[in-house]
Amino acid sequence: MTTLLLPIDDRPVTCIYPQLVAALSGTAVIAPPRKMLGSLTNPADAATLIGWIDNALSAQSVSGILLCLDSLLYGGLVNSRRCDTSLKQVLERCHSLVRWRKKTGPATPIYGQSSIMRISDNYDATEEKPYWARYGKDIFTWSTYLHRLQRGEKLPSGVLASTEAKIPAEVRKDYLAGRGRNFQVNRQLIEHVKSGDLDFLAFSLDDSGASGLNVLEKDRLALEAEALIAQSKIQTYAGADEVLLALFARWLIAKSLRKPRARVIYSPAPTADCNSRYEGQSVKQTVSAQLQACSIDSVEADQDFIVLVHGRAGQQGDHILLPGEADARSLDTSVEVAQTISTLKTSESPVVLCDVAYANGADPLLVPALLKSPELSAKLWAYAGWNTTGNTVGSALATGVARWFAGQQPDASQNSIAQSLKRCLFVRFADDWAYQAVSRSTLNGPADNQQLQAGLASYLKDISDSLGYLPTRLELRHPWQRTFEIEVAL
């Protein structure tokens, strides 16, 4: 089988890791050259991407088309918030879906992703328009008040006007224009589901609070999907960077004779009700949404694998300290780690380990305890512990589905499956634990490959020894020239 993948941008987690997961499943992939995708500062050229897909579909047949439409419509996730492309231009790009459906026919599934524009509660303009550095938190608060009014709530006298007064009229106008365009495009994508151009559509809600204009748009899109009798083919949930992986897992399962069965265990149990940072909901709500996005059945017994959600009762930590926020970078998780390790030891089923004790990196106590016992690593079908709960859970589930799918194939090489899985585990342990949770805090800015190798050497050796896997080539770099992400290139 061959599937066409269009990543949301050129980062390792969105562009490279999905291809590692595809290799684990035994699926061949065609994807645009990485240099053709959008980055932090350089958006993709939509016309070039559309032309590439046209040529690719003419050159060979595929069994599935999985599209992060933010790349196609705006040049990437970041540029979907920055660009001034007109609504007319973006809708013309949407029309490419009609052409590709006619070319491939109804037997080839076409899945798509489109983001609901985020509203970050900070003054960080790294991924936003420049005015976010001065008005970001004010725009977030204003957005929350507007949503509360729409819900019929009564606000304290003068609070909306005083908040609006902090934001120049031209900034508010520009911001609402960008939101309005993206919302109208998402409404049109629902129509493409109704007409059959898209077989499944994921609206991803990136970095969200419990209320705001993005949440209001989510609710309106859900109502429109329901009115068009398309709700079963459309899902709106918290996430973004992992959505291509979820689409891939859904596509794999659609190609299988049955759905995989997963039993979810929260370790400890109160983790389920813990507030998930940057998502405006509980960890359990995120896990449930990600299971649905991947099309995995949740069961209480006779499971194909266990989804072990390692967390912390009461509070999720965060390896990033945001201005004005409480410091949650160093929490005592020793009791929770002991429980998770105990569950792993007694498990008779393979385990998909979702490490959500912290946002933006692994639990620094869990992974060393895990790596000390190679027999525990051998039970893993997946591990993830990066960025948000949705990012972690979605990517871990997709990796687990790929391993499950590979094992269902009668002619699969067990040695090849094992090596592919070790590559996936090595990358996630190296990125999520060795770098994000341990080494990143020691850096004052982007480092070169030699510096990164020196700082991570002992941790990489521990990972390699535990997995019994030694990369033949390993390069470390900062793909977006910032310390937020690292590329572990094998």
Protein backbone atom coordinates (compact mmCIF):
# COMPACT_ATOMS: atom_id res chain seq x y z
CA MET A 1 0.00 0.00 0.00
CA THR A 2 1.08 3.56 -0.69
CA THR A 3 -0.35 6.68 0.88
CA LEU A 4 0.22 10.34 0.10
CA LEU A 5 1.03 12.51 3.12
CA LEU A 6 0.96 16.31 3.23
CA PRO A 7 2.42 17.47 6.59
CA ILE A 8 1.37 20.68 8.31
CA ASP A 9 4.94 22.06 8.12
CA ASP A 10 8.57 20.89 8.03
CA ARG A 11 9.20 20.19 11.72
CA PRO A 12 10.47 16.72 12.72
CA VAL A 13 7.34 15.86 14.73
CA THR A 14 5.02 16.82 11.90
CA CYS A 15 7.08 15.85 8.84
CA ILE A 16 9.63 13.16 9.74
CA TYR A 17 8.07 11.22 12.61
CA PRO A 18 4.87 10.34 10.65
CA GLN A 19 7.09 8.72 8.03
CA LEU A 20 8.85 6.65 10.72
CA VAL A 21 5.43 5.49 11.93
CA ALA A 22 4.38 4.66 8.37
CA ALA A 23 7.56 2.59 7.94
CA LEU A 24 6.69 0.72 11.16
CA SER A 25 3.32 -0.23 9.66
CA GLY A 26 4.95 -1.41 6.43
CA THR A 27 3.27 1.32 4.39
CA ALA A 28 5.03 3.13 1.56
CA VAL A 29 4.74 6.91 1.65
CA ILE A 30 5.01 9.68 -0.90
CA ALA A 31 5.33 13.20 0.50
CA PRO A 32 6.49 16.57 -0.84
CA PRO A 33 10.21 17.34 -0.50
CA ARG A 34 10.78 18.80 2.95
CA LYS A 35 12.09 22.07 1.52
CA MET A 36 8.71 22.56 -0.16
CA LEU A 37 6.90 22.70 3.21
CA GLY A 38 6.38 25.72 5.42
CA SER A 39 8.66 26.65 8.31
CA LEU A 40 8.59 29.19 11.11
CA THR A 41 9.57 32.11 8.89
CA ASN A 42 9.02 30.83 5.33
CA PRO A 43 5.54 29.68 4.33
CA ALA A 44 5.05 27.00 1.72
CA ASP A 45 3.96 28.11 -1.73
CA ALA A 46 0.43 26.79 -2.10
CA ALA A 47 0.52 26.65 -5.89
CA THR A 48 3.72 24.59 -5.80
CA LEU A 49 2.21 22.12 -3.33
CA ILE A 50 -0.96 21.79 -5.38
CA GLY A 51 1.10 21.17 -8.51
CA TRP A 52 3.21 18.57 -6.71
CA ILE A 53 0.10 16.67 -5.59
CA ASP A 54 -1.37 16.86 -9.12
CA ASN A 55 1.83 15.36 -10.54
CA ALA A 56 2.13 12.72 -7.81
CA LEU A 57 -1.42 11.48 -8.37
CA SER A 58 -0.83 11.34 -12.12
CA ALA A 59 2.44 9.41 -11.69
CA GLN A 60 1.19 6.59 -9.47
CA SER A 61 -1.87 5.18 -7.76
CA VAL A 62 -2.27 5.57 -4.01
CA SER A 63 -4.44 3.87 -1.42
CA GLY A 64 -5.05 7.02 0.60
CA ILE A 65 -4.54 10.78 0.59
CA LEU A 66 -3.95 12.41 3.98
CA LEU A 67 -3.79 16.19 3.83
CA CYS A 68 -2.94 18.80 6.44
CA LEU A 69 -4.94 21.48 4.65
CA ASP A 70 -3.26 24.31 6.56
CA SER A 71 -0.24 23.73 4.30
CA LEU A 72 -2.32 23.71 1.16
CA LEU A 73 -4.51 26.70 2.01
CA TYR A 74 -2.19 29.02 3.94
CA GLY A 75 1.37 27.72 3.58
CA GLY A 76 1.50 26.02 6.97
CA LEU A 77 0.12 26.11 10.50
CA VAL A 78 2.01 29.22 11.60
CA ASN A 79 1.22 31.12 8.41
CA SER A 80 -2.49 30.34 8.81
CA ARG A 81 -2.41 32.98 11.59
CA ARG A 82 -0.11 35.42 9.83
CA CYS A 83 -1.00 35.51 6.14
CA ASP A 84 -3.20 38.13 4.47
CA THR A 85 -4.32 35.86 1.62
CA SER A 86 -7.87 36.72 0.55
CA LEU A 87 -10.83 34.48 1.22
CA LYS A 88 -11.35 34.10 -2.54
CA GLN A 89 -7.80 32.85 -3.07
CA VAL A 90 -8.03 30.32 -0.25
CA LEU A 91 -11.39 28.99 -1.47
CA GLU A 92 -9.91 28.53 -4.95
CA ARG A 93 -7.21 26.35 -3.37
CA CYS A 94 -9.94 24.34 -1.61
CA HIS A 95 -11.38 23.51 -5.01
CA SER A 96 -8.35 21.29 -5.71
CA LEU A 97 -10.13 18.68 -3.58
CA VAL A 98 -12.79 18.33 -6.26
CA ARG A 99 -10.17 17.63 -8.91
CA TRP A 100 -8.34 15.06 -6.80
CA ARG A 101 -11.56 13.25 -5.98
CA LYS A 102 -12.38 12.95 -9.67
CA LYS A 103 -8.85 11.73 -10.43
CA THR A 104 -8.70 9.03 -7.75
CA GLY A 105 -12.35 7.97 -7.55
CA PRO A 106 -14.41 7.23 -4.44
CA ALA A 107 -12.45 4.08 -3.56
CA THR A 108 -9.42 6.14 -2.45
CA PRO A 109 -10.06 7.79 0.93
CA ILE A 110 -9.18 11.46 1.23
CA TYR A 111 -8.76 12.68 4.80
CA GLY A 112 -8.13 16.30 5.71
CA GLN A 113 -7.14 18.51 8.63
CA SER A 114 -7.84 22.19 9.13
CA SER A 115 -7.07 24.19 12.24
CA ILE A 116 -9.37 26.47 14.14
CA MET A 117 -7.19 29.53 14.62
CA ARG A 118 -5.71 29.55 18.12
CA ILE A 119 -5.72 32.37 20.68
CA SER A 120 -2.58 32.24 22.82
CA ASP A 121 -2.74 33.69 26.32
CA ASN A 122 0.69 35.35 26.22
CA TYR A 123 2.75 38.13 24.64
CA ASP A 124 4.83 35.79 22.47
CA ALA A 125 4.69 36.81 18.80
CA THR A 126 7.05 34.06 17.59
CA GLU A 127 4.21 32.28 15.79
CA GLU A 128 1.76 35.16 15.51
CA LYS A 129 1.51 38.57 13.86
CA PRO A 130 3.90 41.16 15.35
CA TYR A 131 1.21 42.94 17.35
CA TRP A 132 0.82 39.86 19.55
CA ALA A 133 3.99 40.90 21.42
CA ARG A 134 2.14 43.93 22.77
CA TYR A 135 -1.54 42.95 22.80
CA GLY A 136 -1.63 39.13 22.93
CA LYS A 137 -3.01 38.64 26.44
CA ASP A 138 -5.46 41.50 25.94
CA ILE A 139 -6.77 39.92 22.74
CA PHE A 140 -7.15 36.62 24.60
CA THR A 141 -9.15 38.30 27.38
CA TRP A 142 -11.27 40.26 24.88
CA SER A 143 -11.99 37.04 22.98
CA THR A 144 -13.10 35.34 26.19
CA TYR A 145 -15.51 38.17 27.00
CA LEU A 146 -16.98 38.09 23.47
CA HIS A 147 -17.61 34.36 23.81
CA ARG A 148 -19.21 34.76 27.21
CA LEU A 149 -21.56 37.39 25.77
CA GLN A 150 -22.51 35.03 22.94
CA ARG A 151 -23.37 32.40 25.55
CA GLY A 152 -25.76 34.86 27.16
CA GLU A 153 -23.64 35.61 30.22
CA LYS A 154 -23.85 39.02 31.85
CA LEU A 155 -20.47 40.69 32.17
CA PRO A 156 -19.50 43.20 34.86
CA SER A 157 -20.33 46.73 33.77
CA GLY A 158 -17.69 48.29 31.53
CA VAL A 159 -15.33 45.30 31.48
CA LEU A 160 -15.65 44.64 27.73
CA ALA A 161 -15.22 48.30 26.80
CA SER A 162 -12.17 48.71 29.04
CA THR A 163 -10.55 45.62 27.51
CA GLU A 164 -11.26 46.76 23.96
CA ALA A 165 -9.76 50.15 24.77
CA LYS A 166 -6.41 48.47 25.41
CA ILE A 167 -6.32 47.15 21.82
CA PRO A 168 -6.09 49.61 18.90
CA ALA A 169 -9.11 49.49 16.57
CA GLU A 170 -6.94 48.57 13.56
CA VAL A 171 -5.48 45.59 15.47
CA ARG A 172 -8.93 44.35 16.44
CA LYS A 173 -10.13 44.76 12.86
CA ASP A 174 -7.16 42.87 11.42
CA TYR A 175 -7.46 40.08 13.97
CA LEU A 176 -11.17 39.56 13.38
CA ALA A 177 -10.62 39.62 9.60
CA GLY A 178 -8.12 36.76 9.83
CA ARG A 179 -10.39 34.76 12.11
CA GLY A 180 -13.38 35.41 9.87
CA ARG A 181 -11.57 34.22 6.75
CA ASN A 182 -10.38 31.00 8.40
CA PHE A 183 -13.85 30.31 9.79
CA GLN A 184 -15.49 30.76 6.38
CA VAL A 185 -12.93 28.39 4.86
CA ASN A 186 -13.72 25.77 7.50
CA ARG A 187 -17.42 26.12 6.72
CA GLN A 188 -16.62 25.47 3.06
CA LEU A 189 -14.64 22.37 3.99
CA ILE A 190 -17.75 20.96 5.63
CA GLU A 191 -19.45 21.33 2.26
CA HIS A 192 -16.60 19.33 0.69
CA VAL A 193 -17.35 16.54 3.16
CA LYS A 194 -21.02 16.65 2.25
CA SER A 195 -20.25 16.47 -1.49
CA GLY A 196 -17.86 13.54 -1.00
CA ASP A 197 -14.62 15.34 -1.84
CA LEU A 198 -13.41 14.59 1.70
CA ASP A 199 -14.13 11.29 3.46
CA PHE A 200 -13.07 12.57 6.88
CA LEU A 201 -12.23 16.01 8.24
CA ALA A 202 -10.48 16.88 11.51
CA PHE A 203 -10.83 20.41 12.84
CA SER A 204 -7.86 20.79 15.19
CA LEU A 205 -8.09 23.19 18.12
CA ASP A 206 -4.54 24.34 18.82
CA ASP A 207 -3.63 25.86 22.23
CA SER A 208 -7.10 26.55 23.58
CA GLY A 209 -8.64 27.76 26.79
CA ALA A 210 -12.13 26.78 27.99
CA SER A 211 -13.67 29.78 26.24
CA GLY A 212 -12.88 32.23 23.47
CA LEU A 213 -13.75 32.93 19.85
CA ASN A 214 -12.03 29.70 18.81
CA VAL A 215 -14.29 27.68 21.11
CA LEU A 216 -17.31 29.56 19.78
CA GLU A 217 -16.25 28.68 16.22
CA LYS A 218 -15.77 25.06 17.22
CA ASP A 219 -19.33 24.88 18.52
CA ARG A 220 -20.74 26.54 15.39
CA LEU A 221 -18.84 24.21 13.08
CA ALA A 222 -20.12 21.20 15.03
CA LEU A 223 -23.70 22.44 14.63
CA GLU A 224 -23.23 22.95 10.89
CA ALA A 225 -21.74 19.48 10.51
CA GLU A 226 -24.71 18.01 12.34
CA ALA A 227 -27.17 19.95 10.17
CA LEU A 228 -25.49 18.61 7.01
CA ILE A 229 -25.70 15.03 8.31
CA ALA A 230 -21.93 14.93 8.09
CA GLN A 231 -21.12 14.82 11.78
CA SER A 232 -19.83 11.22 11.76
CA LYS A 233 -17.24 12.25 9.16
CA ILE A 234 -16.12 15.40 10.98
CA GLN A 235 -14.43 15.69 14.36
CA THR A 236 -13.30 18.75 16.27
CA TYR A 237 -10.79 18.23 19.05
CA ALA A 238 -7.73 19.65 20.82
CA GLY A 239 -4.51 19.12 18.91
CA ALA A 240 -2.59 20.12 15.80
CA ASP A 241 0.94 18.78 15.45
CA GLU A 242 -0.14 15.14 15.84
CA VAL A 243 -3.20 15.24 13.57
CA LEU A 244 -1.47 13.76 10.50
CA LEU A 245 -0.52 10.78 12.66
CA ALA A 246 -4.11 10.38 13.80
CA LEU A 247 -5.31 10.52 10.20
CA PHE A 248 -2.77 7.86 9.30
CA ALA A 249 -3.92 5.61 12.15
CA ARG A 250 -7.55 6.04 11.06
CA TRP A 251 -6.58 5.16 7.48
CA LEU A 252 -4.69 2.03 8.60
CA ILE A 253 -7.65 0.85 10.65
CA ALA A 254 -10.01 1.44 7.72
CA LYS A 255 -7.75 -0.90 5.70
CA SER A 256 -7.91 -3.60 8.38
CA LEU A 257 -10.40 -6.40 8.86
CA ARG A 258 -11.30 -5.08 12.33
CA LYS A 259 -10.59 -2.22 14.68
CA PRO A 260 -7.92 -2.59 17.37
CA ARG A 261 -9.19 -2.81 20.94
CA ALA A 262 -7.48 -0.71 23.60
CA ARG A 263 -7.93 -0.69 27.35
CA VAL A 264 -7.17 2.71 28.90
CA ILE A 265 -5.52 2.80 32.33
CA TYR A 266 -4.84 6.09 34.11
CA SER A 267 -1.83 5.98 36.42
CA PRO A 268 -2.82 7.15 38.94
CA ALA A 269 -6.61 7.13 38.44
CA PRO A 270 -7.08 10.86 39.29
CA THR A 271 -4.96 11.71 36.22
CA ALA A 272 -8.15 11.35 34.19
CA ASP A 273 -9.67 14.43 35.84
CA CYS A 274 -6.52 16.55 35.83
CA ASN A 275 -6.74 19.77 33.82
CA SER A 276 -4.80 19.46 30.59
CA ARG A 277 -2.68 22.55 30.03
CA TYR A 278 -3.23 24.53 26.81
CA GLU A 279 -6.41 22.56 26.05
CA GLY A 280 -9.15 23.86 28.33
CA GLN A 281 -10.36 20.36 29.25
CA SER A 282 -9.45 17.29 31.29
CA VAL A 283 -6.87 14.68 30.35
CA LYS A 284 -9.66 12.10 30.01
CA GLN A 285 -11.53 14.28 27.52
CA THR A 286 -8.38 14.58 25.43
CA VAL A 287 -7.71 10.84 25.53
CA SER A 288 -11.29 10.05 24.51
CA ALA A 289 -11.12 12.48 21.60
CA GLN A 290 -7.81 11.07 20.38
CA LEU A 291 -9.12 7.50 20.52
CA GLN A 292 -12.08 8.60 18.43
CA ALA A 293 -9.87 10.47 15.97
CA CYS A 294 -7.74 7.37 15.42
CA SER A 295 -10.87 5.15 15.28
CA ILE A 296 -9.76 2.90 18.15
CA ASP A 297 -12.34 1.00 20.21
CA SER A 298 -12.01 1.41 23.97
CA VAL A 299 -12.69 -1.82 25.91
CA GLU A 300 -12.39 -3.16 29.46
CA ALA A 301 -11.07 -6.61 28.51
CA ASP A 302 -9.70 -8.69 25.63
CA GLN A 303 -7.59 -5.75 24.49
CA ASP A 304 -4.97 -5.75 21.74
CA PHE A 305 -2.92 -3.27 23.76
CA ILE A 306 -3.12 -1.14 26.88
CA VAL A 307 -3.06 2.65 26.69
CA LEU A 308 -1.26 3.59 29.89
CA VAL A 309 -1.69 7.29 30.66
CA HIS A 310 1.00 8.31 33.12
CA GLY A 311 0.15 11.54 34.88
CA ARG A 312 -0.19 13.24 38.18
CA ALA A 313 -3.13 13.83 40.46
CA GLY A 314 -4.22 17.43 40.78
CA GLN A 315 -1.77 19.28 38.54
CA GLN A 316 0.01 18.76 35.26
CA GLY A 317 3.56 20.05 35.30
CA ASP A 318 5.13 22.14 32.54
CA HIS A 319 8.76 22.27 31.45
CA ILE A 320 8.18 25.80 30.17
CA LEU A 321 7.68 28.71 32.56
CA LEU A 322 5.43 31.34 31.03
CA PRO A 323 5.44 34.93 32.37
CA GLY A 324 2.82 35.37 35.04
CA GLU A 325 2.28 31.62 35.47
CA ALA A 326 3.08 29.46 38.50
CA ASP A 327 6.33 27.50 38.23
CA ALA A 328 5.47 23.83 37.59
CA ARG A 329 8.84 22.74 36.17
CA SER A 330 9.83 20.46 39.04
CA LEU A 331 7.15 18.30 40.62
CA ASP A 332 7.50 15.24 42.80
CA THR A 333 6.14 12.34 40.75
CA SER A 334 7.94 9.52 42.56
CA VAL A 335 4.73 7.89 43.80
CA GLU A 336 3.12 8.10 40.36
CA VAL A 337 6.24 6.72 38.68
CA ALA A 338 6.31 3.73 41.03
CA GLN A 339 2.68 2.99 40.17
CA THR A 340 3.27 3.26 36.42
CA ILE A 341 6.35 1.01 36.56
CA SER A 342 4.37 -1.53 38.61
CA THR A 343 1.57 -1.52 36.03
CA LEU A 344 4.09 -2.07 33.25
CA LYS A 345 5.68 -4.98 35.11
CA THR A 346 2.38 -6.79 35.60
CA SER A 347 0.93 -6.07 32.16
CA GLU A 348 0.47 -9.13 29.96
CA SER A 349 -0.48 -6.96 26.97
CA PRO A 350 1.68 -4.60 24.90
CA VAL A 351 1.61 -1.03 26.22
CA VAL A 352 1.18 2.34 24.53
CA LEU A 353 2.68 4.70 27.12
CA CYS A 354 1.36 8.27 27.12
CA ASP A 355 3.47 10.40 29.44
CA VAL A 356 1.38 13.45 30.36
CA ALA A 357 2.71 14.22 33.84
CA TYR A 358 4.23 17.35 32.28
CA ALA A 359 3.44 19.46 29.25
CA ASN A 360 6.33 20.21 26.88
CA GLY A 361 8.41 17.18 27.79
CA ALA A 362 8.62 13.85 29.56
CA ASP A 363 8.42 13.10 33.26
CA PRO A 364 12.14 13.29 34.18
CA LEU A 365 11.66 10.60 36.85
CA LEU A 366 9.69 8.12 34.73
CA VAL A 367 11.97 7.54 31.76
CA PRO A 368 15.17 6.75 33.73
CA ALA A 369 13.19 4.25 35.83
CA LEU A 370 11.87 2.69 32.64
CA LEU A 371 15.22 2.52 30.87
CA LYS A 372 16.84 0.75 33.84
CA SER A 373 14.70 -2.30 33.02
CA PRO A 374 15.06 -3.27 29.34
CA GLU A 375 12.37 -5.92 29.80
CA LEU A 376 9.89 -3.07 30.39
CA SER A 377 10.99 -1.18 27.28
CA ALA A 378 10.40 -4.43 25.38
CA LYS A 379 6.71 -4.30 26.36
CA LEU A 380 6.21 -0.92 24.72
CA TRP A 381 4.45 -0.52 21.39
CA ALA A 382 4.77 3.26 21.70
CA TYR A 383 5.95 6.07 23.94
CA ALA A 384 5.42 9.82 23.75
CA GLY A 385 5.76 12.75 26.14
CA TRP A 386 5.93 16.00 24.16
CA ASN A 387 4.10 19.33 24.00
CA THR A 388 0.40 19.03 24.91
CA THR A 389 -1.60 16.05 26.11
CA GLY A 390 -3.20 15.82 22.66
CA ASN A 391 0.18 15.83 20.92
CA THR A 392 1.46 13.08 23.22
CA VAL A 393 -1.61 10.85 23.16
CA GLY A 394 -2.33 11.19 19.44
CA SER A 395 1.22 10.36 18.40
CA ALA A 396 1.53 7.45 20.84
CA LEU A 397 -1.79 5.96 19.72
CA ALA A 398 -0.81 6.21 16.05
CA THR A 399 2.50 4.48 16.74
CA GLY A 400 0.68 1.74 18.63
CA VAL A 401 -1.79 1.29 15.77
CA ALA A 402 1.08 1.05 13.28
CA ARG A 403 2.72 -1.69 15.39
CA TRP A 404 -0.60 -3.52 15.73
CA PHE A 405 -1.24 -3.26 11.98
CA ALA A 406 2.23 -4.56 11.13
CA GLY A 407 1.66 -7.59 13.33
CA GLN A 408 -1.57 -8.38 11.46
CA GLN A 409 0.24 -8.82 8.14
CA PRO A 410 0.99 -12.50 7.40
CA ASP A 411 4.17 -11.82 5.44
CA ALA A 412 5.64 -9.23 7.83
CA SER A 413 9.22 -9.64 9.04
CA GLN A 414 9.25 -9.64 12.83
CA ASN A 415 12.84 -8.42 12.86
CA SER A 416 11.97 -5.53 10.57
CA ILE A 417 8.99 -4.61 12.76
CA ALA A 418 11.16 -4.69 15.88
CA GLN A 419 13.83 -2.46 14.34
CA SER A 420 11.27 0.04 13.05
CA LEU A 421 9.64 0.23 16.47
CA LYS A 422 13.02 0.79 18.14
CA ARG A 423 13.66 3.72 15.81
CA CYS A 424 10.37 5.29 16.84
CA LEU A 425 11.05 4.73 20.54
CA PHE A 426 14.62 6.03 20.26
CA VAL A 427 13.46 9.28 18.65
CA ARG A 428 10.75 9.91 21.22
CA PHE A 429 12.94 9.09 24.26
CA ALA A 430 15.75 11.24 22.86
CA ASP A 431 13.48 14.17 22.03
CA ASP A 432 10.87 14.09 24.79
CA TRP A 433 13.10 13.06 27.70
CA ALA A 434 16.80 13.58 26.98
CA TYR A 435 16.30 16.95 25.30
CA GLN A 436 12.96 18.46 26.30
CA ALA A 437 12.88 17.36 29.94
CA VAL A 438 16.59 17.39 30.80
CA SER A 439 18.95 19.26 28.48
CA ARG A 440 16.92 22.10 27.02
CA SER A 441 16.98 24.13 30.24
CA THR A 442 20.80 24.26 30.07
CA LEU A 443 20.80 26.09 26.71
CA ASN A 444 20.74 29.85 26.27
CA GLY A 445 19.94 29.57 22.55
CA PRO A 446 20.16 27.25 19.54
CA ALA A 447 23.19 24.94 19.55
CA ASP A 448 25.01 23.11 16.78
CA ASN A 449 25.12 19.34 16.28
CA GLN A 450 28.40 18.94 18.18
CA GLN A 451 27.16 20.84 21.23
CA LEU A 452 23.90 18.91 21.27
CA GLN A 453 25.71 15.59 20.91
CA ALA A 454 27.97 16.43 23.85
CA GLY A 455 25.08 17.48 26.08
CA LEU A 456 22.93 14.46 25.26
CA ALA A 457 25.61 11.76 24.91
CA SER A 458 25.09 9.99 28.25
CA TYR A 459 21.30 10.02 27.91
CA LEU A 460 21.43 8.72 24.35
CA LYS A 461 23.66 5.86 25.51
CA ASP A 462 21.14 4.93 28.21
CA ILE A 463 18.38 4.87 25.61
CA SER A 464 20.46 2.85 23.17
CA ASP A 465 21.47 0.31 25.83
CA SER A 466 17.91 -0.17 27.07
CA LEU A 467 16.42 -0.60 23.59
CA GLY A 468 19.31 -2.63 22.20
CA TYR A 469 19.42 -0.22 19.31
CA LEU A 470 22.43 1.73 18.06
CA PRO A 471 21.74 4.23 15.26
CA THR A 472 24.16 3.92 12.36
CA ARG A 473 23.91 7.69 11.88
CA LEU A 474 22.69 10.29 14.33
CA GLU A 475 22.49 14.04 13.85
CA LEU A 476 20.96 16.56 16.24
CA ARG A 477 19.90 20.04 15.22
CA HIS A 478 17.44 22.85 15.86
CA PRO A 479 15.29 22.83 12.70
CA TRP A 480 13.62 26.20 13.40
CA GLN A 481 16.69 27.76 15.03
CA ARG A 482 15.08 27.98 18.43
CA THR A 483 15.37 25.74 21.49
CA PHE A 484 11.68 24.73 21.56
CA GLU A 485 12.23 21.74 19.25
CA ILE A 486 15.08 19.45 18.31
CA GLU A 487 15.53 17.11 15.38
CA VAL A 488 16.83 13.63 16.14
CA ALA A 489 17.82 12.55 12.63
CA LEU A 490 18.57 8.85 12.24
